[in-house]
Every structure is written in C-alpha cells, then in structure tokens.
C-alpha cells in the first residue's frame, strides 16, 4: 500500500513540458517567421517599384533626364507610403532602393523594349542573435528585380 501512495501521477505532466516547448516554438519558429514575412513584404515593395518604373519608362523618351524624373517621381510617391515607412525603406536612399534603366537597340523587325532593374535592401524586423550572419534573420538581404516591357513605337 505504501508504494501506491508515493507513485508518480500522470496528471499535470503535459503542463510541465509546455514551458520548454513554448520557448523553442517562439525562438525558433515565431520570430523567424515574422522576419520572413517582413522580407516578403520588402520584396513586394521592390517588385511594385520595378513595375511602376518600367511602365513609366516604356511611354517616355529614352534620355537620362527622363530616367531621373521617373526615379524622383517614384521616390516622391513612395515617401509617405505606410508600407515603405513600416519596412524602414527610404526611397530617396540609393542603398535601400535603386533603379536602373537600359534601352537596348532593337533587332530588325523587333519592337524596342526598356529593361528596368530595381534593387531593394530589406532589414529584418527583429534581429535574431546567431553565431554567423544569416541574410534575412540578422543582416540585410538585397533583392534585384529585372523586368522588360515593350516601348511605344512612336518614341525615340
């Protein structure tokens, strides 16, 4: 009868394992997932900027002043954007967001195109301490988005 009195009960064992399990879930899954969602949002901003830049340059003349005007217009339109402010991307800073445009000579019988290249540097929301630098978790990651679009035939 004495052995039964001191036998370990099975009730409550799950709650004793809950604390360490939550620690690992939060540190290894939750915070990296937040960082990855922030990186995804930064990529979406870069893609959208590339789309706007390419669309605008496809209907304008191929000159350096027009390319600079489009860059300035995009930076001005994004400056007060809530998502860009939330992500910590400064459209006026070339290290955070940069655009480049090329107008390759069309082959015979081909329609002229514009090729836009956009680079966006994303910082993680929460810097997770780790032994080595991991882009997206504890250091910046840079995305390069390249797209092309046919130009209007009447443009030079």
N, C-alpha and C. Protein backbone atom coordinates (compact mmCIF):
# COMPACT_ATOMS: atom_id res chain seq x y z
N UNK A 1 0.82 -1.20 0.00
CA UNK A 1 0.00 0.00 0.00
C UNK A 1 0.85 1.25 0.00
N UNK A 2 2.05 1.19 0.62
CA UNK A 2 2.93 2.36 0.68
C UNK A 2 3.48 2.73 -0.69
N UNK A 3 3.71 1.74 -1.54
CA UNK A 3 4.25 2.01 -2.87
C UNK A 3 3.24 2.74 -3.73
N UNK A 4 2.01 2.43 -3.55
CA UNK A 4 0.96 3.08 -4.34
C UNK A 4 0.79 4.52 -3.91
N UNK A 5 1.00 4.80 -2.67
CA UNK A 5 0.81 6.15 -2.15
C UNK A 5 1.84 7.12 -2.75
N UNK A 6 3.07 6.67 -2.98
CA UNK A 6 4.11 7.55 -3.49
C UNK A 6 4.35 7.40 -5.00
N UNK A 7 3.50 6.69 -5.67
CA UNK A 7 3.65 6.52 -7.12
C UNK A 7 3.40 7.86 -7.82
N UNK A 8 4.14 8.08 -8.88
CA UNK A 8 4.04 9.34 -9.62
C UNK A 8 2.74 9.39 -10.40
N UNK A 9 2.08 10.52 -10.32
CA UNK A 9 0.82 10.67 -11.04
C UNK A 9 1.09 11.18 -12.46
N UNK A 10 0.28 10.78 -13.40
CA UNK A 10 0.43 11.18 -14.79
C UNK A 10 -0.23 12.54 -15.05
N UNK A 11 -1.12 12.97 -14.19
CA UNK A 11 -1.80 14.26 -14.39
C UNK A 11 -0.81 15.40 -14.20
N UNK A 12 -0.86 16.36 -15.11
CA UNK A 12 -0.01 17.54 -14.97
C UNK A 12 1.32 17.43 -15.68
N UNK A 13 1.63 16.29 -16.28
CA UNK A 13 2.92 16.15 -16.95
C UNK A 13 2.99 16.98 -18.22
N UNK A 14 1.86 17.18 -18.88
CA UNK A 14 1.86 17.97 -20.11
C UNK A 14 2.15 19.43 -19.82
N UNK A 15 1.64 19.96 -18.72
CA UNK A 15 1.89 21.36 -18.39
C UNK A 15 3.35 21.59 -18.03
N UNK A 16 4.01 20.59 -17.53
CA UNK A 16 5.43 20.73 -17.19
C UNK A 16 6.29 20.79 -18.44
N UNK A 17 5.84 20.21 -19.55
CA UNK A 17 6.58 20.25 -20.80
C UNK A 17 6.18 21.43 -21.68
N UNK A 18 5.16 22.14 -21.29
CA UNK A 18 4.66 23.25 -22.10
C UNK A 18 5.63 24.42 -22.13
N UNK A 19 6.25 24.76 -21.02
CA UNK A 19 7.17 25.89 -20.95
C UNK A 19 8.37 25.75 -21.87
N UNK A 20 9.11 24.66 -21.79
CA UNK A 20 10.24 24.50 -22.72
C UNK A 20 9.80 24.42 -24.17
N UNK A 21 8.66 23.80 -24.42
CA UNK A 21 8.18 23.70 -25.80
C UNK A 21 7.82 25.09 -26.34
N UNK A 22 7.19 25.92 -25.54
CA UNK A 22 6.85 27.28 -25.98
C UNK A 22 8.11 28.10 -26.23
N UNK A 23 9.13 27.92 -25.42
CA UNK A 23 10.39 28.63 -25.63
C UNK A 23 10.95 28.31 -27.02
N UNK A 24 10.99 27.04 -27.37
CA UNK A 24 11.53 26.66 -28.67
C UNK A 24 10.62 27.11 -29.80
N UNK A 25 9.32 27.02 -29.62
CA UNK A 25 8.40 27.48 -30.67
C UNK A 25 8.55 28.97 -30.92
N UNK A 26 8.65 29.75 -29.87
CA UNK A 26 8.75 31.20 -30.05
C UNK A 26 10.10 31.59 -30.65
N UNK A 27 11.18 31.06 -30.12
CA UNK A 27 12.51 31.44 -30.58
C UNK A 27 12.82 30.88 -31.97
N UNK A 28 12.46 29.65 -32.22
CA UNK A 28 12.86 29.01 -33.47
C UNK A 28 11.83 29.10 -34.59
N UNK A 29 10.58 29.44 -34.28
CA UNK A 29 9.56 29.48 -35.33
C UNK A 29 8.92 30.86 -35.43
N UNK A 30 8.44 31.41 -34.34
CA UNK A 30 7.63 32.64 -34.41
C UNK A 30 8.44 33.84 -34.89
N UNK A 31 9.55 34.15 -34.24
CA UNK A 31 10.33 35.33 -34.63
C UNK A 31 10.96 35.20 -36.01
N UNK A 32 11.52 34.05 -36.39
CA UNK A 32 11.99 33.93 -37.78
C UNK A 32 10.85 34.06 -38.80
N UNK A 33 9.65 33.59 -38.44
CA UNK A 33 8.52 33.74 -39.35
C UNK A 33 8.15 35.20 -39.53
N UNK A 34 8.19 35.98 -38.45
CA UNK A 34 7.96 37.42 -38.57
C UNK A 34 8.99 38.08 -39.48
N UNK A 35 10.24 37.71 -39.31
CA UNK A 35 11.28 38.26 -40.17
C UNK A 35 11.06 37.89 -41.63
N UNK A 36 10.69 36.66 -41.89
CA UNK A 36 10.46 36.24 -43.27
C UNK A 36 9.25 36.95 -43.89
N UNK A 37 8.23 37.21 -43.10
CA UNK A 37 7.09 37.97 -43.62
C UNK A 37 7.49 39.40 -43.94
N UNK A 38 8.34 39.99 -43.12
CA UNK A 38 8.85 41.34 -43.41
C UNK A 38 9.70 41.37 -44.66
N UNK A 39 10.52 40.35 -44.86
CA UNK A 39 11.34 40.25 -46.07
C UNK A 39 10.44 40.07 -47.29
N UNK A 40 9.39 39.28 -47.17
CA UNK A 40 8.43 39.11 -48.26
C UNK A 40 7.76 40.43 -48.62
N UNK A 41 7.37 41.19 -47.62
CA UNK A 41 6.76 42.50 -47.88
C UNK A 41 7.74 43.44 -48.56
N UNK A 42 9.00 43.41 -48.18
CA UNK A 42 10.01 44.25 -48.82
C UNK A 42 10.22 43.84 -50.27
N UNK A 43 10.19 42.54 -50.54
CA UNK A 43 10.29 42.08 -51.93
C UNK A 43 9.10 42.58 -52.75
N UNK A 44 7.91 42.54 -52.16
CA UNK A 44 6.72 43.02 -52.87
C UNK A 44 6.82 44.50 -53.18
N UNK A 45 7.36 45.28 -52.25
CA UNK A 45 7.57 46.71 -52.50
C UNK A 45 8.56 46.90 -53.65
N UNK A 46 9.64 46.12 -53.67
CA UNK A 46 10.61 46.22 -54.75
C UNK A 46 10.01 45.84 -56.09
N UNK A 47 9.20 44.79 -56.11
CA UNK A 47 8.55 44.40 -57.36
C UNK A 47 7.60 45.49 -57.85
N UNK A 48 6.84 46.06 -56.93
CA UNK A 48 5.90 47.10 -57.32
C UNK A 48 6.63 48.33 -57.85
N UNK A 49 7.73 48.69 -57.20
CA UNK A 49 8.52 49.84 -57.69
C UNK A 49 9.09 49.55 -59.07
N UNK A 50 9.55 48.33 -59.29
CA UNK A 50 10.07 47.95 -60.60
C UNK A 50 8.98 48.03 -61.65
N UNK A 51 7.79 47.56 -61.31
CA UNK A 51 6.67 47.60 -62.24
C UNK A 51 6.32 49.04 -62.60
N UNK A 52 6.25 49.91 -61.59
CA UNK A 52 5.92 51.32 -61.86
C UNK A 52 6.99 51.99 -62.71
N UNK A 53 8.25 51.73 -62.40
CA UNK A 53 9.35 52.34 -63.15
C UNK A 53 9.34 51.88 -64.60
N UNK A 54 9.18 50.60 -64.80
CA UNK A 54 9.18 50.05 -66.15
C UNK A 54 7.99 50.56 -66.96
N UNK A 55 6.85 50.65 -66.32
CA UNK A 55 5.65 51.14 -67.00
C UNK A 55 5.81 52.59 -67.43
N UNK A 56 6.37 53.41 -66.56
CA UNK A 56 6.57 54.82 -66.88
C UNK A 56 7.62 55.02 -67.96
N UNK A 57 8.72 54.28 -67.89
CA UNK A 57 9.79 54.44 -68.87
C UNK A 57 9.41 53.92 -70.24
N UNK A 58 8.43 53.03 -70.31
CA UNK A 58 8.00 52.49 -71.59
C UNK A 58 7.26 53.51 -72.44
N UNK A 59 6.72 54.55 -71.83
CA UNK A 59 5.96 55.55 -72.58
C UNK A 59 6.68 56.89 -72.66
N UNK A 60 7.91 56.96 -72.17
CA UNK A 60 8.67 58.21 -72.22
C UNK A 60 9.87 58.07 -73.16
N UNK A 61 10.45 59.21 -73.47
CA UNK A 61 11.64 59.21 -74.33
C UNK A 61 12.83 58.60 -73.60
N UNK A 62 13.73 58.05 -74.38
CA UNK A 62 14.91 57.38 -73.79
C UNK A 62 16.03 58.39 -73.59
N UNK A 63 15.97 59.07 -72.46
CA UNK A 63 17.03 60.02 -72.11
C UNK A 63 17.32 59.88 -70.62
N UNK A 64 18.52 60.35 -70.26
CA UNK A 64 18.92 60.26 -68.86
C UNK A 64 18.05 61.14 -67.98
N UNK A 65 17.59 62.27 -68.50
CA UNK A 65 16.74 63.15 -67.68
C UNK A 65 15.38 62.51 -67.42
N UNK A 66 14.84 61.80 -68.40
CA UNK A 66 13.55 61.12 -68.19
C UNK A 66 13.69 60.00 -67.16
N UNK A 67 14.80 59.27 -67.22
CA UNK A 67 15.03 58.21 -66.24
C UNK A 67 15.12 58.81 -64.84
N UNK A 68 15.83 59.91 -64.70
CA UNK A 68 15.95 60.56 -63.40
C UNK A 68 14.60 61.11 -62.93
N UNK A 69 13.82 61.66 -63.86
CA UNK A 69 12.49 62.16 -63.50
C UNK A 69 11.60 61.04 -62.97
N UNK A 70 11.65 59.88 -63.62
CA UNK A 70 10.85 58.75 -63.17
C UNK A 70 11.31 58.28 -61.79
N UNK A 71 12.62 58.22 -61.58
CA UNK A 71 13.14 57.83 -60.26
C UNK A 71 12.66 58.80 -59.19
N UNK A 72 12.70 60.09 -59.48
CA UNK A 72 12.26 61.09 -58.50
C UNK A 72 10.76 60.98 -58.22
N UNK A 73 9.97 60.75 -59.27
CA UNK A 73 8.52 60.62 -59.09
C UNK A 73 8.17 59.40 -58.24
N UNK A 74 8.85 58.29 -58.49
CA UNK A 74 8.59 57.08 -57.70
C UNK A 74 8.99 57.29 -56.25
N UNK A 75 10.15 57.92 -56.05
CA UNK A 75 10.60 58.18 -54.68
C UNK A 75 9.62 59.11 -53.96
N UNK A 76 9.11 60.11 -54.67
CA UNK A 76 8.15 61.04 -54.05
C UNK A 76 6.83 60.35 -53.73
N UNK A 77 6.37 59.46 -54.62
CA UNK A 77 5.10 58.79 -54.36
C UNK A 77 5.21 57.76 -53.23
N UNK A 78 6.40 57.18 -53.07
CA UNK A 78 6.58 56.18 -52.03
C UNK A 78 6.99 56.76 -50.69
N UNK A 79 7.40 58.02 -50.68
CA UNK A 79 7.95 58.62 -49.47
C UNK A 79 6.98 58.57 -48.30
N UNK A 80 5.73 58.85 -48.55
CA UNK A 80 4.73 58.87 -47.49
C UNK A 80 3.91 57.58 -47.43
N UNK A 81 4.34 56.57 -48.13
CA UNK A 81 3.61 55.30 -48.12
C UNK A 81 3.76 54.62 -46.77
N UNK A 82 2.68 54.09 -46.26
CA UNK A 82 2.71 53.44 -44.96
C UNK A 82 3.54 52.17 -44.94
N UNK A 83 3.47 51.37 -46.01
CA UNK A 83 4.22 50.12 -46.04
C UNK A 83 5.72 50.37 -46.11
N UNK A 84 6.14 51.34 -46.89
CA UNK A 84 7.56 51.65 -47.01
C UNK A 84 8.08 52.19 -45.68
N UNK A 85 7.30 53.01 -45.01
CA UNK A 85 7.70 53.53 -43.71
C UNK A 85 7.76 52.40 -42.69
N UNK A 86 6.80 51.50 -42.73
CA UNK A 86 6.77 50.37 -41.80
C UNK A 86 7.97 49.45 -41.99
N UNK A 87 8.38 49.24 -43.23
CA UNK A 87 9.50 48.36 -43.52
C UNK A 87 10.85 49.03 -43.31
N UNK A 88 10.86 50.34 -43.14
CA UNK A 88 12.11 51.04 -42.91
C UNK A 88 12.91 51.26 -44.18
N UNK A 89 12.24 51.32 -45.33
CA UNK A 89 12.91 51.56 -46.61
C UNK A 89 12.80 53.04 -46.93
N UNK A 90 13.93 53.67 -47.20
CA UNK A 90 13.95 55.08 -47.58
C UNK A 90 14.07 55.16 -49.09
N UNK A 91 13.00 55.58 -49.81
CA UNK A 91 13.07 55.60 -51.28
C UNK A 91 14.12 56.56 -51.82
N UNK A 92 14.49 57.60 -51.06
CA UNK A 92 15.49 58.55 -51.54
C UNK A 92 16.91 58.02 -51.34
N UNK A 93 17.08 57.02 -50.49
CA UNK A 93 18.40 56.46 -50.21
C UNK A 93 18.69 55.35 -51.22
N UNK A 94 19.78 55.51 -51.99
CA UNK A 94 20.11 54.52 -53.02
C UNK A 94 20.52 53.18 -52.42
N UNK A 95 20.93 53.16 -51.17
CA UNK A 95 21.29 51.88 -50.53
C UNK A 95 20.05 51.06 -50.21
N UNK A 96 18.91 51.71 -50.01
CA UNK A 96 17.67 51.00 -49.72
C UNK A 96 16.90 50.63 -50.98
N UNK A 97 16.82 51.57 -51.94
CA UNK A 97 16.02 51.36 -53.14
C UNK A 97 16.69 52.07 -54.30
N UNK A 98 17.02 51.34 -55.35
CA UNK A 98 17.67 51.95 -56.52
C UNK A 98 17.07 51.38 -57.79
N UNK A 99 17.05 52.21 -58.82
CA UNK A 99 16.51 51.82 -60.13
C UNK A 99 17.57 52.07 -61.19
N UNK A 100 17.51 51.28 -62.24
CA UNK A 100 18.38 51.48 -63.40
C UNK A 100 17.57 51.11 -64.63
N UNK A 101 17.81 51.80 -65.73
CA UNK A 101 17.07 51.52 -66.96
C UNK A 101 18.03 51.41 -68.12
N UNK A 102 17.72 50.48 -69.02
CA UNK A 102 18.51 50.29 -70.23
C UNK A 102 17.57 50.28 -71.42
N UNK A 103 18.06 50.84 -72.51
CA UNK A 103 17.30 50.85 -73.76
C UNK A 103 18.13 50.14 -74.82
N UNK A 104 18.08 48.81 -74.87
CA UNK A 104 18.90 48.11 -75.87
C UNK A 104 18.40 48.38 -77.28
N UNK A 105 19.33 48.35 -78.24
CA UNK A 105 18.95 48.58 -79.64
C UNK A 105 18.13 47.38 -80.11
N UNK A 106 16.95 47.65 -80.70
CA UNK A 106 16.12 46.53 -81.13
C UNK A 106 16.70 45.85 -82.37
N UNK A 107 16.51 44.57 -82.44
CA UNK A 107 16.90 43.82 -83.64
C UNK A 107 15.94 44.16 -84.76
N UNK A 108 16.33 43.85 -85.99
CA UNK A 108 15.48 44.20 -87.12
C UNK A 108 14.14 43.49 -87.01
N UNK A 109 13.09 44.25 -87.14
CA UNK A 109 11.74 43.70 -87.06
C UNK A 109 11.23 43.52 -85.64
N UNK A 110 12.01 43.85 -84.65
CA UNK A 110 11.60 43.70 -83.26
C UNK A 110 11.15 45.04 -82.69
N UNK A 111 10.25 44.98 -81.76
CA UNK A 111 9.79 46.19 -81.09
C UNK A 111 10.81 46.60 -80.03
N UNK A 112 11.07 47.91 -79.89
CA UNK A 112 12.02 48.35 -78.86
C UNK A 112 11.47 48.08 -77.46
N UNK A 113 12.38 47.78 -76.54
CA UNK A 113 11.99 47.48 -75.17
C UNK A 113 12.81 48.33 -74.21
N UNK A 114 12.31 48.41 -72.99
CA UNK A 114 13.06 49.03 -71.90
C UNK A 114 13.27 47.94 -70.85
N UNK A 115 14.47 47.88 -70.30
CA UNK A 115 14.79 46.90 -69.26
C UNK A 115 15.06 47.67 -67.98
N UNK A 116 14.26 47.39 -66.97
CA UNK A 116 14.39 48.07 -65.68
C UNK A 116 14.96 47.10 -64.65
N UNK A 117 15.88 47.61 -63.86
CA UNK A 117 16.48 46.84 -62.77
C UNK A 117 16.25 47.61 -61.48
N UNK A 118 15.67 46.95 -60.50
CA UNK A 118 15.41 47.58 -59.20
C UNK A 118 16.07 46.74 -58.13
N UNK A 119 16.76 47.40 -57.22
CA UNK A 119 17.34 46.73 -56.07
C UNK A 119 16.71 47.30 -54.81
N UNK A 120 16.29 46.41 -53.94
CA UNK A 120 15.72 46.82 -52.65
C UNK A 120 16.44 46.04 -51.56
N UNK A 121 16.87 46.77 -50.54
CA UNK A 121 17.55 46.16 -49.39
C UNK A 121 16.58 46.10 -48.23
N UNK A 122 16.35 44.90 -47.73
CA UNK A 122 15.39 44.70 -46.65
C UNK A 122 16.12 44.38 -45.36
N UNK A 123 15.66 45.01 -44.30
CA UNK A 123 16.20 44.74 -42.97
C UNK A 123 15.20 43.88 -42.21
N UNK A 124 15.66 42.95 -41.41
CA UNK A 124 14.71 42.14 -40.63
C UNK A 124 14.03 42.99 -39.55
N UNK A 125 12.78 42.63 -39.22
CA UNK A 125 12.06 43.32 -38.15
C UNK A 125 12.78 43.16 -36.83
N UNK A 126 13.10 41.93 -36.52
CA UNK A 126 13.72 41.59 -35.25
C UNK A 126 15.05 40.91 -35.56
N UNK A 127 16.12 41.47 -35.08
CA UNK A 127 17.42 40.86 -35.31
C UNK A 127 17.60 39.69 -34.34
N UNK A 128 17.70 38.52 -34.89
CA UNK A 128 17.83 37.32 -34.08
C UNK A 128 19.32 37.03 -33.90
N UNK A 129 19.80 37.00 -32.68
CA UNK A 129 21.23 36.74 -32.47
C UNK A 129 21.59 35.31 -32.88
N UNK A 130 22.62 35.22 -33.70
CA UNK A 130 23.09 33.92 -34.16
C UNK A 130 24.59 34.00 -34.31
N UNK A 131 25.23 32.86 -34.39
CA UNK A 131 26.68 32.82 -34.43
C UNK A 131 27.25 33.39 -35.72
N UNK A 132 26.61 33.09 -36.83
CA UNK A 132 27.09 33.59 -38.12
C UNK A 132 26.00 34.46 -38.74
N UNK A 133 26.38 35.40 -39.60
CA UNK A 133 25.37 36.26 -40.22
C UNK A 133 24.50 35.48 -41.22
N UNK A 134 23.20 35.64 -41.06
CA UNK A 134 22.24 34.98 -41.94
C UNK A 134 21.38 36.08 -42.57
N UNK A 135 21.45 36.26 -43.90
CA UNK A 135 20.64 37.30 -44.54
C UNK A 135 19.15 37.05 -44.29
N UNK A 136 18.49 38.08 -43.84
CA UNK A 136 17.06 37.98 -43.56
C UNK A 136 16.74 37.73 -42.10
N UNK A 137 17.66 37.15 -41.35
CA UNK A 137 17.41 36.91 -39.94
C UNK A 137 18.19 37.86 -39.04
N UNK A 138 19.45 38.12 -39.38
CA UNK A 138 20.21 39.06 -38.56
C UNK A 138 21.08 40.01 -39.37
N UNK A 139 20.88 40.06 -40.69
CA UNK A 139 21.52 41.07 -41.51
C UNK A 139 20.65 41.36 -42.73
N UNK A 140 20.98 42.44 -43.43
CA UNK A 140 20.17 42.87 -44.58
C UNK A 140 20.26 41.86 -45.71
N UNK A 141 19.21 41.81 -46.49
CA UNK A 141 19.18 41.00 -47.69
C UNK A 141 18.78 41.92 -48.84
N UNK A 142 19.46 41.80 -49.96
CA UNK A 142 19.21 42.65 -51.12
C UNK A 142 18.58 41.83 -52.24
N UNK A 143 17.46 42.33 -52.74
CA UNK A 143 16.77 41.69 -53.86
C UNK A 143 17.02 42.53 -55.11
N UNK A 144 17.25 41.86 -56.22
CA UNK A 144 17.39 42.52 -57.51
C UNK A 144 16.28 42.01 -58.41
N UNK A 145 15.44 42.92 -58.89
CA UNK A 145 14.31 42.56 -59.73
C UNK A 145 14.55 43.18 -61.10
N UNK A 146 14.51 42.36 -62.14
CA UNK A 146 14.73 42.81 -63.51
C UNK A 146 13.50 42.48 -64.32
N UNK A 147 13.01 43.46 -65.08
CA UNK A 147 11.88 43.21 -65.96
C UNK A 147 12.04 44.04 -67.23
N UNK A 148 11.38 43.60 -68.25
CA UNK A 148 11.40 44.34 -69.52
C UNK A 148 9.97 44.58 -69.98
N UNK A 149 9.83 45.62 -70.76
CA UNK A 149 8.50 46.00 -71.23
C UNK A 149 8.64 46.61 -72.63
N UNK A 150 7.75 46.29 -73.54
CA UNK A 150 7.83 46.90 -74.87
C UNK A 150 7.56 48.41 -74.79
N UNK A 151 8.32 49.15 -75.58
CA UNK A 151 8.14 50.60 -75.60
C UNK A 151 7.14 50.96 -76.68
N UNK A 152 6.59 52.15 -76.56
CA UNK A 152 5.71 52.63 -77.62
C UNK A 152 6.54 52.90 -78.86
N UNK A 153 6.04 52.52 -79.99
CA UNK A 153 6.79 52.59 -81.24
C UNK A 153 7.09 54.04 -81.63
N UNK A 154 6.25 54.98 -81.25
CA UNK A 154 6.43 56.36 -81.67
C UNK A 154 7.53 57.08 -80.91
N UNK A 155 8.03 56.49 -79.83
CA UNK A 155 9.07 57.13 -79.03
C UNK A 155 10.44 56.89 -79.62
N UNK A 156 11.39 57.79 -79.28
CA UNK A 156 12.78 57.63 -79.72
C UNK A 156 13.56 56.85 -78.71
